[in-house]
Protein backbone atom coordinates (compact mmCIF):
# COMPACT_ATOMS: atom_id res chain seq x y z
CA MET A 1 -179.73 35.05 -173.19
CA ALA A 2 -177.48 37.98 -172.34
CA THR A 3 -173.73 38.20 -171.92
CA VAL A 4 -171.92 41.03 -170.18
CA ARG A 5 -168.17 41.40 -170.66
CA LEU A 6 -165.86 43.59 -168.63
CA SER A 7 -162.16 44.02 -168.98
CA PHE A 8 -160.13 46.12 -166.61
CA SER A 9 -156.52 46.99 -165.97
CA PRO A 10 -155.04 44.82 -163.22
CA ALA A 11 -155.51 47.23 -160.35
CA PRO A 12 -157.27 46.33 -157.08
CA VAL A 13 -159.49 49.41 -157.30
CA HIS A 14 -161.39 47.86 -160.25
CA VAL A 15 -162.39 44.69 -158.40
CA ARG A 16 -165.22 46.52 -156.62
CA THR A 17 -166.73 47.53 -159.96
CA ALA A 18 -166.62 43.93 -161.20
CA ARG A 19 -168.39 42.78 -158.01
CA LEU A 20 -171.11 45.42 -158.34
CA VAL A 21 -171.76 44.62 -162.00
CA GLY A 22 -171.67 40.87 -161.30
CA VAL A 23 -174.31 41.12 -158.59
CA ALA A 24 -176.52 43.37 -160.71
CA VAL A 25 -176.37 40.89 -163.61
CA ALA A 26 -177.00 37.97 -161.21
CA ARG A 27 -180.07 39.68 -159.80
CA ARG A 28 -181.42 40.38 -163.28
CA ALA A 29 -180.66 36.78 -164.33
CA GLY A 30 -182.79 35.41 -161.48
CA VAL A 31 -180.22 34.25 -158.93
CA ARG A 32 -181.96 33.85 -155.56
CA GLU A 33 -181.55 36.80 -153.22
CA ASP A 34 -179.94 34.62 -150.52
CA LEU A 35 -177.11 33.68 -152.96
CA LEU A 36 -176.17 37.24 -153.93
CA ASP A 37 -173.64 37.66 -151.10
CA GLU A 38 -171.99 34.44 -152.26
CA VAL A 39 -171.88 35.79 -155.82
CA ARG A 40 -170.37 39.08 -154.60
CA LEU A 41 -167.68 37.36 -152.53
CA ALA A 42 -166.80 34.83 -155.23
CA ILE A 43 -166.48 37.40 -158.01
CA GLY A 44 -164.41 39.61 -155.74
CA GLU A 45 -162.11 36.74 -154.79
CA ALA A 46 -161.65 35.54 -158.39
CA CYS A 47 -160.92 39.07 -159.63
CA THR A 48 -158.57 39.83 -156.73
CA ARG A 49 -156.68 36.62 -157.50
CA ALA A 50 -156.40 37.57 -161.21
CA VAL A 51 -155.19 41.08 -160.37
CA ALA A 52 -152.58 39.68 -157.96
CA LEU A 53 -151.29 37.26 -160.60
CA HIS A 54 -151.00 40.05 -163.18
CA ARG A 55 -149.14 42.23 -160.69
CA GLN A 56 -146.77 39.41 -159.70
CA HIS A 57 -145.82 38.85 -163.33
CA GLY A 58 -145.78 42.48 -164.45
CA LEU A 59 -148.64 41.95 -166.89
CA ALA A 60 -150.44 45.06 -168.14
CA GLU A 61 -153.04 43.06 -170.10
CA PRO A 62 -156.56 43.48 -168.79
CA VAL A 63 -158.38 40.97 -166.62
CA LEU A 64 -161.49 39.67 -168.39
CA VAL A 65 -164.80 39.02 -166.65
CA GLU A 66 -167.68 37.51 -168.60
CA MET A 67 -171.15 36.99 -167.15
CA SER A 68 -173.91 35.05 -168.88
CA ASP A 69 -177.46 34.06 -168.04
CA ALA A 70 -177.71 31.32 -170.68
CA GLY A 71 -179.41 28.65 -168.57
CA ALA A 72 -177.74 29.17 -165.20
CA TYR A 73 -175.83 32.32 -164.22
CA SER A 74 -172.16 31.82 -165.04
CA VAL A 75 -169.15 34.03 -164.48
CA ARG A 76 -165.73 33.57 -166.11
CA VAL A 77 -162.69 35.42 -164.80
CA VAL A 78 -159.64 35.15 -167.05
CA ASP A 79 -156.09 36.07 -166.14
CA ARG A 80 -153.05 35.92 -168.43
CA ALA A 81 -150.45 34.66 -165.94
CA PRO A 82 -148.64 31.37 -166.60
CA ILE A 83 -150.71 28.41 -165.40
CA GLU A 84 -147.87 27.31 -163.11
CA ALA A 85 -148.15 30.60 -161.24
CA SER A 86 -151.90 30.24 -160.93
CA ILE A 87 -151.83 26.88 -159.22
CA GLY A 88 -148.41 26.87 -157.53
CA LEU A 89 -149.42 28.26 -154.14
CA ALA A 90 -152.74 26.43 -154.13
CA VAL A 91 -150.90 23.23 -153.20
CA LEU A 92 -149.04 24.69 -150.19
CA ASP A 93 -150.06 23.52 -146.74
CA ALA A 94 -150.96 25.88 -143.88
CA ASP A 95 -147.40 25.97 -142.46
CA GLN A 96 -145.98 27.00 -145.83
CA LEU A 97 -148.68 29.65 -146.30
CA ALA A 98 -147.78 31.07 -142.89
CA ASN A 99 -144.21 31.67 -144.10
CA GLU A 100 -143.49 35.36 -143.49
CA SER A 101 -141.45 35.64 -146.69
CA LEU A 102 -144.61 35.34 -148.83
CA ASP A 103 -145.91 38.73 -149.90
CA GLU A 104 -149.57 39.79 -150.00
CA ASP A 105 -150.03 38.93 -153.69
CA ASP A 106 -148.54 35.44 -153.10
CA LEU A 107 -150.95 34.83 -150.26
CA THR A 108 -153.89 36.12 -152.30
CA THR A 109 -153.25 33.63 -155.08
CA GLY A 110 -152.42 30.86 -152.62
CA VAL A 111 -155.63 30.95 -150.64
CA GLY A 112 -157.88 32.07 -153.49
CA PHE A 113 -158.84 28.56 -154.59
CA ALA A 114 -159.76 27.49 -151.08
CA LEU A 115 -161.98 30.52 -150.60
CA LEU A 116 -163.63 30.10 -153.98
CA ALA A 117 -164.35 26.43 -153.28
CA GLY A 118 -166.08 27.53 -150.07
CA PHE A 119 -168.25 30.10 -151.87
CA VAL A 120 -169.18 28.27 -155.05
CA GLU A 121 -170.58 24.76 -155.49
CA ASP A 122 -170.02 24.71 -159.26
CA LEU A 123 -166.43 25.90 -159.71
CA GLN A 124 -163.98 25.07 -162.49
CA VAL A 125 -160.40 26.29 -162.80
CA ARG A 126 -158.55 25.46 -165.99
CA PRO A 127 -156.05 26.80 -168.52
CA VAL A 128 -157.57 29.12 -171.11
CA ASP A 129 -158.25 27.67 -174.55
CA GLU A 130 -156.28 30.37 -176.34
CA GLY A 131 -152.88 31.59 -175.20
CA VAL A 132 -151.51 31.75 -171.68
CA GLY A 133 -153.67 32.12 -168.61
CA THR A 134 -156.26 30.62 -166.33
CA GLU A 135 -160.04 30.66 -166.47
CA VAL A 136 -162.04 30.54 -163.26
CA ARG A 137 -165.65 29.60 -164.08
CA MET A 138 -168.39 29.84 -161.46
CA VAL A 139 -172.06 28.89 -161.91
CA TRP A 140 -175.15 29.57 -159.82
CA PRO A 141 -178.72 28.35 -160.38
CA VAL A 142 -181.44 30.78 -161.41
CA SER A 143 -185.17 30.75 -160.82
CA ARG A 144 -187.31 32.28 -163.50
């Protein structure tokens, strides 16, 4: 059982690194080759969402990504934005999301859940256990 932890400042440029590391760990963990694109997209979307939330709220705290191959391959992405901010735009309908007054970061957090649900069968989004923030947990099966 191995765990890899990354933390990075909330800047979009670091999302690519998280995706690359996440796919490398998934491959080593035994995630099927045909699921690796899904892993890449999901990690990228979850990290992009976390970065957008940090930027919206002026948070300098790092985004945390934790990958583990204990049993299945799981990835946790933790942001430190208020939970209300994390889920607020997720409940908007398509007409509201098309509102031109929403900025790019608002749209990123608003459609993030829908995209993640399309990429990942085993997806959980919940408040963090300690402090303020949201944890996005994604799990993929492995074959060993």
